[in-house]
C-alpha atoms as a PDB file:
ATOM      1  CA  UNK A   1      11.732 -23.118  13.224  1.00  0.00           C
ATOM      2  CA  UNK A   2      10.611 -19.540  13.813  1.00  0.00           C
ATOM      3  CA  UNK A   3      11.412 -17.524  10.703  1.00  0.00           C
ATOM      4  CA  UNK A   4      12.473 -13.895  10.526  1.00  0.00           C
ATOM      5  CA  UNK A   5      10.459 -12.789   7.510  1.00  0.00           C
ATOM      6  CA  UNK A   6      11.689  -9.692   5.685  1.00  0.00           C
ATOM      7  CA  UNK A   7       9.888 -10.306   2.392  1.00  0.00           C
ATOM      8  CA  UNK A   8       7.085  -7.817   3.043  1.00  0.00           C
ATOM      9  CA  UNK A   9       4.888  -6.309   5.737  1.00  0.00           C
ATOM     10  CA  UNK A  10       2.073  -8.431   4.291  1.00  0.00           C
ATOM     11  CA  UNK A  11       3.510 -11.482   6.079  1.00  0.00           C
ATOM     12  CA  UNK A  12       2.343 -10.330   9.509  1.00  0.00           C
ATOM     13  CA  UNK A  13       0.090 -12.742  11.358  1.00  0.00           C
ATOM     14  CA  UNK A  14      -2.840 -11.602  13.524  1.00  0.00           C
ATOM     15  CA  UNK A  15      -2.247 -10.785  17.177  1.00  0.00           C
ATOM     16  CA  UNK A  16      -3.887 -12.764  19.971  1.00  0.00           C
ATOM     17  CA  UNK A  17      -6.335  -9.905  20.539  1.00  0.00           C
ATOM     18  CA  UNK A  18      -7.329 -10.040  16.862  1.00  0.00           C
ATOM     19  CA  UNK A  19      -7.930 -13.776  17.023  1.00  0.00           C
ATOM     20  CA  UNK A  20     -10.136 -13.326  20.097  1.00  0.00           C
ATOM     21  CA  UNK A  21     -12.065 -10.484  18.461  1.00  0.00           C
ATOM     22  CA  UNK A  22     -12.595 -12.580  15.333  1.00  0.00           C
ATOM     23  CA  UNK A  23     -13.912 -15.520  17.351  1.00  0.00           C
ATOM     24  CA  UNK A  24     -16.386 -13.307  19.228  1.00  0.00           C
ATOM     25  CA  UNK A  25     -17.460 -11.042  16.357  1.00  0.00           C
ATOM     26  CA  UNK A  26     -21.147 -10.262  15.951  1.00  0.00           C
ATOM     27  CA  UNK A  27     -21.882 -10.893  12.284  1.00  0.00           C
ATOM     28  CA  UNK A  28     -24.560 -10.592   9.623  1.00  0.00           C
ATOM     29  CA  UNK A  29     -24.839 -10.740   5.852  1.00  0.00           C
ATOM     30  CA  UNK A  30     -22.782  -7.813   4.566  1.00  0.00           C
ATOM     31  CA  UNK A  31     -24.250  -7.963   1.042  1.00  0.00           C
ATOM     32  CA  UNK A  32     -27.545  -7.041   2.743  1.00  0.00           C
ATOM     33  CA  UNK A  33     -25.563  -4.449   4.740  1.00  0.00           C
ATOM     34  CA  UNK A  34     -26.556  -5.972   8.070  1.00  0.00           C
ATOM     35  CA  UNK A  35     -23.169  -6.975   9.482  1.00  0.00           C
ATOM     36  CA  UNK A  36     -22.691  -4.647  12.483  1.00  0.00           C
ATOM     37  CA  UNK A  37     -18.969  -5.318  12.835  1.00  0.00           C
ATOM     38  CA  UNK A  38     -18.305  -4.362   9.215  1.00  0.00           C
ATOM     39  CA  UNK A  39     -20.373  -1.211   9.663  1.00  0.00           C
ATOM     40  CA  UNK A  40     -18.312  -0.273  12.720  1.00  0.00           C
ATOM     41  CA  UNK A  41     -15.054  -0.771  10.797  1.00  0.00           C
ATOM     42  CA  UNK A  42     -16.322   1.221   7.822  1.00  0.00           C
ATOM     43  CA  UNK A  43     -17.403   4.158  10.005  1.00  0.00           C
ATOM     44  CA  UNK A  44     -14.095   4.097  11.852  1.00  0.00           C
ATOM     45  CA  UNK A  45     -12.156   4.068   8.566  1.00  0.00           C
ATOM     46  CA  UNK A  46     -14.140   6.967   7.092  1.00  0.00           C
ATOM     47  CA  UNK A  47     -13.691   9.024  10.266  1.00  0.00           C
ATOM     48  CA  UNK A  48      -9.939   8.419  10.445  1.00  0.00           C
ATOM     49  CA  UNK A  49      -9.453   9.591   6.859  1.00  0.00           C
ATOM     50  CA  UNK A  50     -11.976  12.419   7.012  1.00  0.00           C
ATOM     51  CA  UNK A  51     -14.294  10.973   4.359  1.00  0.00           C
ATOM     52  CA  UNK A  52     -18.055  10.432   4.291  1.00  0.00           C
ATOM     53  CA  UNK A  53     -18.165   6.676   3.845  1.00  0.00           C
ATOM     54  CA  UNK A  54     -16.079   3.516   3.515  1.00  0.00           C
ATOM     55  CA  UNK A  55     -16.299   0.000   2.099  1.00  0.00           C
ATOM     56  CA  UNK A  56     -14.542  -3.213   3.144  1.00  0.00           C
ATOM     57  CA  UNK A  57     -12.801  -4.980   0.240  1.00  0.00           C
ATOM     58  CA  UNK A  58     -10.819  -8.235   0.103  1.00  0.00           C
ATOM     59  CA  UNK A  59      -7.431  -6.767  -0.853  1.00  0.00           C
ATOM     60  CA  UNK A  60      -5.476  -3.675  -1.835  1.00  0.00           C
ATOM     61  CA  UNK A  61      -5.407  -4.610  -5.502  1.00  0.00           C
ATOM     62  CA  UNK A  62      -9.158  -5.189  -5.370  1.00  0.00           C
ATOM     63  CA  UNK A  63      -9.656  -1.749  -3.805  1.00  0.00           C
ATOM     64  CA  UNK A  64      -7.513   0.033  -6.374  1.00  0.00           C
ATOM     65  CA  UNK A  65      -9.161  -1.702  -9.306  1.00  0.00           C
ATOM     66  CA  UNK A  66     -12.612  -1.124  -7.834  1.00  0.00           C
ATOM     67  CA  UNK A  67     -11.795   2.595  -7.690  1.00  0.00           C
ATOM     68  CA  UNK A  68     -10.693   2.649 -11.329  1.00  0.00           C
ATOM     69  CA  UNK A  69     -13.881   0.854 -12.344  1.00  0.00           C
ATOM     70  CA  UNK A  70     -16.080   3.232 -10.333  1.00  0.00           C
ATOM     71  CA  UNK A  71     -14.404   6.495 -11.364  1.00  0.00           C
ATOM     72  CA  UNK A  72     -14.012   5.795 -15.094  1.00  0.00           C
ATOM     73  CA  UNK A  73     -15.842   4.543 -18.154  1.00  0.00           C
ATOM     74  CA  UNK A  74     -14.432   2.165 -20.791  1.00  0.00           C
ATOM     75  CA  UNK A  75     -11.939   3.871 -23.074  1.00  0.00           C
ATOM     76  CA  UNK A  76     -10.876   6.511 -20.540  1.00  0.00           C
ATOM     77  CA  UNK A  77      -7.243   7.202 -19.810  1.00  0.00           C
ATOM     78  CA  UNK A  78      -5.778   7.106 -16.292  1.00  0.00           C
ATOM     79  CA  UNK A  79      -2.691   9.157 -15.406  1.00  0.00           C
ATOM     80  CA  UNK A  80      -0.255   7.654 -12.913  1.00  0.00           C
ATOM     81  CA  UNK A  81       3.447   7.493 -12.099  1.00  0.00           C
ATOM     82  CA  UNK A  82       5.442   4.891 -14.013  1.00  0.00           C
ATOM     83  CA  UNK A  83       6.543   2.774 -11.037  1.00  0.00           C
ATOM     84  CA  UNK A  84       3.214   2.807  -9.209  1.00  0.00           C
ATOM     85  CA  UNK A  85       1.788  -0.405  -7.807  1.00  0.00           C
ATOM     86  CA  UNK A  86      -1.319  -0.187  -9.996  1.00  0.00           C
ATOM     87  CA  UNK A  87       0.740  -0.624 -13.144  1.00  0.00           C
ATOM     88  CA  UNK A  88       3.691  -2.660 -11.847  1.00  0.00           C
ATOM     89  CA  UNK A  89       2.079  -5.242  -9.585  1.00  0.00           C
ATOM     90  CA  UNK A  90      -1.624  -5.571 -10.356  1.00  0.00           C
ATOM     91  CA  UNK A  91      -1.446  -8.001 -13.283  1.00  0.00           C
ATOM     92  CA  UNK A  92      -2.725  -5.568 -15.908  1.00  0.00           C
ATOM     93  CA  UNK A  93      -6.121  -5.636 -14.211  1.00  0.00           C
ATOM     94  CA  UNK A  94      -7.127  -2.154 -15.367  1.00  0.00           C
ATOM     95  CA  UNK A  95      -7.212  -3.304 -18.989  1.00  0.00           C
ATOM     96  CA  UNK A  96      -9.355  -6.324 -18.182  1.00  0.00           C
ATOM     97  CA  UNK A  97     -11.717  -4.979 -15.527  1.00  0.00           C
ATOM     98  CA  UNK A  98     -12.195  -1.286 -16.370  1.00  0.00           C
ATOM     99  CA  UNK A  99     -11.174  -1.311 -20.042  1.00  0.00           C
ATOM    100  CA  UNK A 100      -9.106   1.810 -19.498  1.00  0.00           C
ATOM    101  CA  UNK A 101      -5.749   2.924 -20.826  1.00  0.00           C
ATOM    102  CA  UNK A 102      -2.959   3.729 -18.359  1.00  0.00           C
ATOM    103  CA  UNK A 103      -0.786   6.714 -19.216  1.00  0.00           C
ATOM    104  CA  UNK A 104       2.405   6.615 -17.186  1.00  0.00           C
ATOM    105  CA  UNK A 105       4.492   9.613 -16.209  1.00  0.00           C
ATOM    106  CA  UNK A 106       8.194   9.173 -15.373  1.00  0.00           C
ATOM    107  CA  UNK A 107       8.650  10.299 -11.791  1.00  0.00           C
ATOM    108  CA  UNK A 108      11.291  10.703  -9.137  1.00  0.00           C
ATOM    109  CA  UNK A 109      10.911   8.072  -6.407  1.00  0.00           C
ATOM    110  CA  UNK A 110       7.202   7.774  -7.125  1.00  0.00           C
ATOM    111  CA  UNK A 111       6.566  11.512  -7.278  1.00  0.00           C
ATOM    112  CA  UNK A 112       5.037  13.037 -10.395  1.00  0.00           C
ATOM    113  CA  UNK A 113       5.925  16.533 -11.539  1.00  0.00           C
ATOM    114  CA  UNK A 114       2.651  18.525 -11.549  1.00  0.00           C
ATOM    115  CA  UNK A 115       3.683  20.183 -14.822  1.00  0.00           C
ATOM    116  CA  UNK A 116       3.919  16.746 -16.442  1.00  0.00           C
ATOM    117  CA  UNK A 117       0.536  15.775 -15.012  1.00  0.00           C
ATOM    118  CA  UNK A 118      -1.166  18.824 -16.483  1.00  0.00           C
ATOM    119  CA  UNK A 119       0.528  18.322 -19.856  1.00  0.00           C
ATOM    120  CA  UNK A 120      -0.767  14.735 -19.929  1.00  0.00           C
ATOM    121  CA  UNK A 121      -4.421  15.691 -19.535  1.00  0.00           C
ATOM    122  CA  UNK A 122      -6.095  15.155 -22.891  1.00  0.00           C
ATOM    123  CA  UNK A 123      -7.752  18.100 -24.628  1.00  0.00           C
ATOM    124  CA  UNK A 124     -11.073  17.625 -26.361  1.00  0.00           C
ATOM    125  CA  UNK A 125     -10.277  15.935 -29.682  1.00  0.00           C
ATOM    126  CA  UNK A 126     -11.980  13.253 -31.732  1.00  0.00           C
ATOM    127  CA  UNK A 127      -8.711  11.276 -31.796  1.00  0.00           C
ATOM    128  CA  UNK A 128      -8.007  11.287 -28.054  1.00  0.00           C
ATOM    129  CA  UNK A 129      -9.328   9.278 -25.109  1.00  0.00           C
ATOM    130  CA  UNK A 130     -10.732  11.290 -22.215  1.00  0.00           C
ATOM    131  CA  UNK A 131      -8.654  11.631 -19.071  1.00  0.00           C
ATOM    132  CA  UNK A 132     -10.877   9.973 -16.500  1.00  0.00           C
ATOM    133  CA  UNK A 133      -8.701   9.704 -13.398  1.00  0.00           C
ATOM    134  CA  UNK A 134      -5.375  10.690 -11.831  1.00  0.00           C
ATOM    135  CA  UNK A 135      -3.750   8.263  -9.382  1.00  0.00           C
ATOM    136  CA  UNK A 136      -1.150   8.879  -6.705  1.00  0.00           C
ATOM    137  CA  UNK A 137       0.521   6.449  -4.295  1.00  0.00           C
ATOM    138  CA  UNK A 138       1.507   7.431  -0.748  1.00  0.00           C
ATOM    139  CA  UNK A 139       3.540   5.884   0.774  1.00  0.00           C
ATOM    140  CA  UNK A 140       5.081   4.604  -2.444  1.00  0.00           C
ATOM    141  CA  UNK A 141       6.267   1.018  -2.764  1.00  0.00           C
ATOM    142  CA  UNK A 142       9.773   2.208  -3.667  1.00  0.00           C
ATOM    143  CA  UNK A 143      10.122   3.246  -0.015  1.00  0.00           C
ATOM    144  CA  UNK A 144       9.388   6.948  -0.321  1.00  0.00           C
ATOM    145  CA  UNK A 145       6.668   9.338   0.788  1.00  0.00           C
ATOM    146  CA  UNK A 146       5.068  12.032  -1.370  1.00  0.00           C
ATOM    147  CA  UNK A 147       5.360  15.521   0.142  1.00  0.00           C
ATOM    148  CA  UNK A 148       2.082  17.210   1.007  1.00  0.00           C
ATOM    149  CA  UNK A 149       3.063  20.060  -1.325  1.00  0.00           C
ATOM    150  CA  UNK A 150       3.231  17.674  -4.290  1.00  0.00           C
ATOM    151  CA  UNK A 151      -0.187  16.210  -3.515  1.00  0.00           C
ATOM    152  CA  UNK A 152      -1.631  19.710  -3.101  1.00  0.00           C
ATOM    153  CA  UNK A 153      -0.430  20.804  -6.534  1.00  0.00           C
ATOM    154  CA  UNK A 154      -1.740  17.681  -8.281  1.00  0.00           C
ATOM    155  CA  UNK A 155      -5.130  17.953  -6.565  1.00  0.00           C
ATOM    156  CA  UNK A 156      -5.381  21.592  -7.668  1.00  0.00           C
ATOM    157  CA  UNK A 157      -4.797  20.476 -11.268  1.00  0.00           C
ATOM    158  CA  UNK A 158      -7.422  17.746 -10.967  1.00  0.00           C
ATOM    159  CA  UNK A 159      -9.940  20.252  -9.611  1.00  0.00           C
ATOM    160  CA  UNK A 160      -9.136  22.668 -12.445  1.00  0.00           C
ATOM    161  CA  UNK A 161     -10.045  20.024 -15.029  1.00  0.00           C
ATOM    162  CA  UNK A 162     -12.786  18.297 -12.962  1.00  0.00           C
ATOM    163  CA  UNK A 163     -10.881  14.990 -12.962  1.00  0.00           C
ATOM    164  CA  UNK A 164     -11.096  12.835  -9.813  1.00  0.00           C
ATOM    165  CA  UNK A 165      -8.013  11.658  -7.916  1.00  0.00           C
ATOM    166  CA  UNK A 166      -7.573   8.194  -6.439  1.00  0.00           C
ATOM    167  CA  UNK A 167      -4.910   7.558  -3.823  1.00  0.00           C
ATOM    168  CA  UNK A 168      -3.329   4.147  -3.448  1.00  0.00           C
ATOM    169  CA  UNK A 169      -2.812   4.583   0.270  1.00  0.00           C
ATOM    170  CA  UNK A 170      -1.980   0.958   0.993  1.00  0.00           C
ATOM    171  CA  UNK A 171       0.581   2.260   3.493  1.00  0.00           C
ATOM    172  CA  UNK A 172      -1.021   5.623   4.270  1.00  0.00           C
ATOM    173  CA  UNK A 173      -0.313   5.189   7.987  1.00  0.00           C
ATOM    174  CA  UNK A 174       3.376   4.765   7.211  1.00  0.00           C
ATOM    175  CA  UNK A 175       3.220   7.926   5.123  1.00  0.00           C
ATOM    176  CA  UNK A 176       1.451   9.827   7.899  1.00  0.00           C
ATOM    177  CA  UNK A 177       4.047   8.666  10.424  1.00  0.00           C
ATOM    178  CA  UNK A 178       6.904   9.728   8.162  1.00  0.00           C
ATOM    179  CA  UNK A 179       5.352  13.128   7.420  1.00  0.00           C
ATOM    180  CA  UNK A 180       4.237  13.578  11.053  1.00  0.00           C
ATOM    181  CA  UNK A 181       0.667  14.400  10.057  1.00  0.00           C
ATOM    182  CA  UNK A 182      -2.731  12.833  10.619  1.00  0.00           C
ATOM    183  CA  UNK A 183      -3.804  10.369   7.876  1.00  0.00           C
ATOM    184  CA  UNK A 184      -6.739  12.616   6.936  1.00  0.00           C
ATOM    185  CA  UNK A 185      -4.241  15.363   6.035  1.00  0.00           C
ATOM    186  CA  UNK A 186      -2.983  13.087   3.244  1.00  0.00           C
ATOM    187  CA  UNK A 187      -6.419  11.740   2.314  1.00  0.00           C
ATOM    188  CA  UNK A 188      -7.930  15.178   1.715  1.00  0.00           C
ATOM    189  CA  UNK A 189      -5.995  15.493  -1.541  1.00  0.00           C
ATOM    190  CA  UNK A 190      -7.845  12.543  -3.077  1.00  0.00           C
ATOM    191  CA  UNK A 191     -11.471  11.817  -3.915  1.00  0.00           C
ATOM    192  CA  UNK A 192     -11.034   8.151  -3.023  1.00  0.00           C
ATOM    193  CA  UNK A 193      -8.437   6.355  -0.937  1.00  0.00           C
ATOM    194  CA  UNK A 194      -7.613   2.691  -0.539  1.00  0.00           C
ATOM    195  CA  UNK A 195      -5.639   1.541   2.485  1.00  0.00           C
ATOM    196  CA  UNK A 196      -4.609  -1.909   3.638  1.00  0.00           C
ATOM    197  CA  UNK A 197      -5.353  -3.523   6.982  1.00  0.00           C
ATOM    198  CA  UNK A 198      -3.055  -6.448   6.181  1.00  0.00           C
ATOM    199  CA  UNK A 199       0.156  -4.513   5.474  1.00  0.00           C
ATOM    200  CA  UNK A 200       1.981  -3.925   8.729  1.00  0.00           C
ATOM    201  CA  UNK A 201      -1.230  -3.652  10.769  1.00  0.00           C
ATOM    202  CA  UNK A 202      -1.369  -7.444  11.244  1.00  0.00           C
ATOM    203  CA  UNK A 203      -4.965  -8.027  10.125  1.00  0.00           C
ATOM    204  CA  UNK A 204      -5.126 -11.302   8.176  1.00  0.00           C
ATOM    205  CA  UNK A 205      -7.304 -10.084   5.301  1.00  0.00           C
ATOM    206  CA  UNK A 206      -8.789  -6.904   3.940  1.00  0.00           C
ATOM    207  CA  UNK A 207      -8.463  -3.324   2.797  1.00  0.00           C
ATOM    208  CA  UNK A 208     -10.700  -0.284   3.004  1.00  0.00           C
ATOM    209  CA  UNK A 209     -11.944   2.032   0.278  1.00  0.00           C
ATOM    210  CA  UNK A 210     -13.102   5.475   1.430  1.00  0.00           C
ATOM    211  CA  UNK A 211     -14.724   8.408  -0.339  1.00  0.00           C
ATOM    212  CA  UNK A 212     -18.004  10.270  -0.679  1.00  0.00           C
ATOM    213  CA  UNK A 213     -21.336   8.582   0.013  1.00  0.00           C
ATOM    214  CA  UNK A 214     -22.184   8.657  -3.686  1.00  0.00           C
ATOM    215  CA  UNK A 215     -18.853   7.117  -4.694  1.00  0.00           C
ATOM    216  CA  UNK A 216     -19.070   4.359  -2.085  1.00  0.00           C
ATOM    217  CA  UNK A 217     -22.657   3.514  -3.083  1.00  0.00           C
ATOM    218  CA  UNK A 218     -21.501   3.035  -6.681  1.00  0.00           C
ATOM    219  CA  UNK A 219     -18.431   1.122  -5.530  1.00  0.00           C
ATOM    220  CA  UNK A 220     -20.591  -1.204  -3.427  1.00  0.00           C
ATOM    221  CA  UNK A 221     -22.468  -2.341  -6.510  1.00  0.00           C
ATOM    222  CA  UNK A 222     -19.238  -2.680  -8.487  1.00  0.00           C
ATOM    223  CA  UNK A 223     -17.749  -4.687  -5.631  1.00  0.00           C
ATOM    224  CA  UNK A 224     -20.579  -7.176  -6.095  1.00  0.00           C
ATOM    225  CA  UNK A 225     -19.911  -7.229  -9.844  1.00  0.00           C
ATOM    226  CA  UNK A 226     -16.242  -8.058  -9.175  1.00  0.00           C
ATOM    227  CA  UNK A 227     -17.125 -10.907  -6.841  1.00  0.00           C
ATOM    228  CA  UNK A 228     -16.254  -9.077  -3.645  1.00  0.00           C
ATOM    229  CA  UNK A 229     -19.670  -9.196  -2.005  1.00  0.00           C
ATOM    230  CA  UNK A 230     -18.822 -11.190   1.116  1.00  0.00           C
ATOM    231  CA  UNK A 231     -21.292 -12.519   3.665  1.00  0.00           C
ATOM    232  CA  UNK A 232     -20.439 -12.847   7.375  1.00  0.00           C
ATOM    233  CA  UNK A 233     -17.304 -10.801   6.859  1.00  0.00           C
ATOM    234  CA  UNK A 234     -17.522  -9.286  10.335  1.00  0.00           C
ATOM    235  CA  UNK A 235     -15.191 -12.081  11.414  1.00  0.00           C
ATOM    236  CA  UNK A 236     -12.497 -10.394   9.297  1.00  0.00           C
ATOM    237  CA  UNK A 237     -13.632  -6.852  10.069  1.00  0.00           C
ATOM    238  CA  UNK A 238     -13.149  -7.526  13.782  1.00  0.00           C
ATOM    239  CA  UNK A 239      -9.419  -7.914  13.188  1.00  0.00           C
ATOM    240  CA  UNK A 240      -9.457  -4.694  11.167  1.00  0.00           C
ATOM    241  CA  UNK A 241     -10.947  -2.795  14.093  1.00  0.00           C
ATOM    242  CA  UNK A 242      -8.161  -4.017  16.370  1.00  0.00           C
ATOM    243  CA  UNK A 243      -5.641  -3.063  13.662  1.00  0.00           C
ATOM    244  CA  UNK A 244      -6.872   0.534  13.605  1.00  0.00           C
ATOM    245  CA  UNK A 245      -7.205   0.795  17.362  1.00  0.00           C
ATOM    246  CA  UNK A 246      -3.868  -0.754  18.363  1.00  0.00           C
ATOM    247  CA  UNK A 247      -1.470  -1.370  15.491  1.00  0.00           C
ATOM    248  CA  UNK A 248      -1.183   2.051  13.836  1.00  0.00           C
ATOM    249  CA  UNK A 249       0.841   3.273  16.815  1.00  0.00           C
ATOM    250  CA  UNK A 250       3.293   0.377  16.330  1.00  0.00           C
ATOM    251  CA  UNK A 251       4.377   1.623  12.895  1.00  0.00           C
ATOM    252  CA  UNK A 252       6.893   4.001  14.448  1.00  0.00           C
ATOM    253  CA  UNK A 253       8.844   0.981  15.752  1.00  0.00           C
ATOM    254  CA  UNK A 254       8.879  -0.547  12.266  1.00  0.00           C
ATOM    255  CA  UNK A 255      10.377   2.663  10.878  1.00  0.00           C
ATOM    256  CA  UNK A 256      12.938   2.842  13.661  1.00  0.00           C
ATOM    257  CA  UNK A 257      13.952  -0.778  13.054  1.00  0.00           C
ATOM    258  CA  UNK A 258      14.237  -0.113   9.302  1.00  0.00           C
ATOM    259  CA  UNK A 259      16.621   2.774   9.955  1.00  0.00           C
ATOM    260  CA  UNK A 260      18.674   0.553  12.244  1.00  0.00           C
ATOM    261  CA  UNK A 261      18.743  -2.206   9.619  1.00  0.00           C
ATOM    262  CA  UNK A 262      19.819   0.237   6.902  1.00  0.00           C
ATOM    263  CA  UNK A 263      22.650   1.611   9.018  1.00  0.00           C
ATOM    264  CA  UNK A 264      23.909  -1.896   9.837  1.00  0.00           C
ATOM    265  CA  UNK A 265      23.743  -3.056   6.217  1.00  0.00           C
ATOM    266  CA  UNK A 266      25.563   0.079   5.129  1.00  0.00           C
ATOM    267  CA  UNK A 267      28.582  -1.001   7.173  1.00  0.00           C
ATOM    268  CA  UNK A 268      29.282  -3.851   4.717  1.00  0.00           C
ATOM    269  CA  UNK A 269      31.742  -2.871   2.001  1.00  0.00           C
ATOM    270  CA  UNK A 270      29.922  -5.033  -0.574  1.00  0.00           C
ATOM    271  CA  UNK A 271      26.424  -3.667   0.176  1.00  0.00           C
ATOM    272  CA  UNK A 272      25.170  -0.358  -1.174  1.00  0.00           C
ATOM    273  CA  UNK A 273      22.090   0.812   0.706  1.00  0.00           C
ATOM    274  CA  UNK A 274      19.885   3.256  -1.202  1.00  0.00           C
ATOM    275  CA  UNK A 275      19.878   5.874   1.532  1.00  0.00           C
ATOM    276  CA  UNK A 276      17.467   8.365  -0.064  1.00  0.00           C
ATOM    277  CA  UNK A 277      14.565   5.894  -0.082  1.00  0.00           C
ATOM    278  CA  UNK A 278      14.229   5.194   3.626  1.00  0.00           C
ATOM    279  CA  UNK A 279      11.049   7.121   4.425  1.00  0.00           C
ATOM    280  CA  UNK A 280       9.131   4.108   5.726  1.00  0.00           C
ATOM    281  CA  UNK A 281       9.722   0.506   6.806  1.00  0.00           C
ATOM    282  CA  UNK A 282      11.663  -0.584   3.716  1.00  0.00           C
ATOM    283  CA  UNK A 283      15.371  -0.912   3.053  1.00  0.00           C
ATOM    284  CA  UNK A 284      16.580  -1.226  -0.535  1.00  0.00           C
ATOM    285  CA  UNK A 285      20.144  -2.228  -1.344  1.00  0.00           C
ATOM    286  CA  UNK A 286      22.411  -3.659  -4.014  1.00  0.00           C
ATOM    287  CA  UNK A 287      25.124  -6.246  -3.580  1.00  0.00           C
ATOM    288  CA  UNK A 288      28.325  -5.671  -5.501  1.00  0.00           C
ATOM    289  CA  UNK A 289      28.574  -7.813  -8.618  1.00  0.00           C
ATOM    290  CA  UNK A 290      30.069 -11.278  -8.248  1.00  0.00           C
ATOM    291  CA  UNK A 291      29.997 -11.182  -4.433  1.00  0.00           C
ATOM    292  CA  UNK A 292      27.460 -13.997  -4.158  1.00  0.00           C
ATOM    293  CA  UNK A 293      24.910 -15.640  -6.423  1.00  0.00           C
ATOM    294  CA  UNK A 294      21.360 -14.431  -5.763  1.00  0.00           C
ATOM    295  CA  UNK A 295      19.949 -17.936  -5.330  1.00  0.00           C
ATOM    296  CA  UNK A 296      22.768 -18.940  -2.987  1.00  0.00           C
ATOM    297  CA  UNK A 297      22.265 -15.787  -0.901  1.00  0.00           C
ATOM    298  CA  UNK A 298      18.537 -16.463  -0.526  1.00  0.00           C
ATOM    299  CA  UNK A 299      19.059 -20.154   0.275  1.00  0.00           C
ATOM    300  CA  UNK A 300      21.796 -19.566   2.850  1.00  0.00           C
ATOM    301  CA  UNK A 301      19.652 -17.022   4.686  1.00  0.00           C
ATOM    302  CA  UNK A 302      16.662 -19.369   4.569  1.00  0.00           C
ATOM    303  CA  UNK A 303      18.747 -22.156   6.093  1.00  0.00           C
ATOM    304  CA  UNK A 304      19.317 -19.833   9.060  1.00  0.00           C
ATOM    305  CA  UNK A 305      15.612 -19.036   9.423  1.00  0.00           C
ATOM    306  CA  UNK A 306      15.551 -15.776   7.444  1.00  0.00           C
ATOM    307  CA  UNK A 307      13.150 -15.280   4.523  1.00  0.00           C
ATOM    308  CA  UNK A 308      13.860 -12.702   1.816  1.00  0.00           C
ATOM    309  CA  UNK A 309      12.716 -12.084  -1.736  1.00  0.00           C
ATOM    310  CA  UNK A 310      14.937 -12.085  -4.770  1.00  0.00           C
ATOM    311  CA  UNK A 311      16.068  -8.954  -6.538  1.00  0.00           C
ATOM    312  CA  UNK A 312      13.792  -6.667  -8.532  1.00  0.00           C
ATOM    313  CA  UNK A 313      15.534  -4.320 -10.957  1.00  0.00           C
ATOM    314  CA  UNK A 314      18.806  -5.361  -9.358  1.00  0.00           C
ATOM    315  CA  UNK A 315      17.731  -4.373  -5.845  1.00  0.00           C
ATOM    316  CA  UNK A 316      17.002  -6.395  -2.743  1.00  0.00           C
ATOM    317  CA  UNK A 317      14.223  -5.132  -0.475  1.00  0.00           C
ATOM    318  CA  UNK A 318      14.017  -5.896   3.240  1.00  0.00           C
ATOM    319  CA  UNK A 319      10.790  -4.871   4.998  1.00  0.00           C
ATOM    320  CA  UNK A 320      10.447  -4.564   8.762  1.00  0.00           C
ATOM    321  CA  UNK A 321       7.155  -5.295  10.485  1.00  0.00           C
ATOM    322  CA  UNK A 322       5.540  -5.877  13.865  1.00  0.00           C
ATOM    323  CA  UNK A 323       6.999  -9.380  14.188  1.00  0.00           C
ATOM    324  CA  UNK A 324      10.593  -8.345  13.427  1.00  0.00           C
ATOM    325  CA  UNK A 325      12.448  -7.042  16.468  1.00  0.00           C
ATOM    326  CA  UNK A 326      15.762  -5.230  16.816  1.00  0.00           C
ATOM    327  CA  UNK A 327      17.235  -8.488  18.106  1.00  0.00           C
ATOM    328  CA  UNK A 328      16.009 -10.217  14.948  1.00  0.00           C
ATOM    329  CA  UNK A 329      17.790  -7.589  12.873  1.00  0.00           C
ATOM    330  CA  UNK A 330      21.028  -8.276  14.734  1.00  0.00           C
ATOM    331  CA  UNK A 331      20.617 -11.965  13.852  1.00  0.00           C
ATOM    332  CA  UNK A 332      20.098 -11.058  10.191  1.00  0.00           C
ATOM    333  CA  UNK A 333      23.210  -8.867  10.155  1.00  0.00           C
ATOM    334  CA  UNK A 334      25.310 -11.611  11.756  1.00  0.00           C
ATOM    335  CA  UNK A 335      23.984 -14.155   9.279  1.00  0.00           C
ATOM    336  CA  UNK A 336      24.853 -11.920   6.311  1.00  0.00           C
ATOM    337  CA  UNK A 337      28.302 -11.297   7.782  1.00  0.00           C
ATOM    338  CA  UNK A 338      28.947 -15.026   8.003  1.00  0.00           C
ATOM    339  CA  UNK A 339      27.613 -15.654   4.490  1.00  0.00           C
ATOM    340  CA  UNK A 340      29.643 -12.889   2.835  1.00  0.00           C
ATOM    341  CA  UNK A 341      32.779 -13.927   4.682  1.00  0.00           C
END
């Protein structure tokens, strides 16, 4: 059975062109920095985001945690929004890997108030940790995009206090599409940026970390420390090159399909779509209480070839991607209609 998979945009499989590129990739030992395909991907990534250098890493979580490790020293404090991926979905890695303390700021749909950010920066005091890093996330995993104005204000604060900014840009191309700007316009408000090749862009493995030459040189050594020094990784980088060349332009269709899905779901009297968090390819909604058991809902959809995740904080999340068409969405809507009836 072919499944319609709405669990995440991480479920995308590589395109035929990616598979061909991977099979034909010219490779070398990347720990020795002699894999030409990786070097091509890293240069391309740095250029697209307007940074000096880039580094291939195994995953988005790896890239974020590598940034924390490279920017900070043990005992530092990192400021970030309370629902950010780094704190919610990265297994407490910052405490284990970087030995840093995370100071969360309550935000609105992933957006921190710059006043709150500045108030959270620690003054010099024998009792306080030092503020070593500020993190932002754009696009945010709650389905929203940070306005450029918000990023500008936070970067100005970071510059004022000489504190670096890291951007979790796992879905930076979604954010750029939603804001109708080039990705480098978002990236310029951060000293380092991580973005994923395997979320929506269909590459099977990998993320990129970009920043200054000095930062990337330090991160390269820390990548080795964390076990991320891969060898003939050009086989994976080849798919990443295709992702950047061909798949970024497909994101607009994912967003269009997400809007269509949201509108269709909103027609059900028992479904409440969260309409103010539809900036990217995600649709969040709640089912009215006692309409259907969560496990039954998931199982009935699965029996009809539709994969979804369970609720988080009472919300279901459907994510469109390259392999989910408008016709697939119609099938999902019909299946839900039959189940709820």
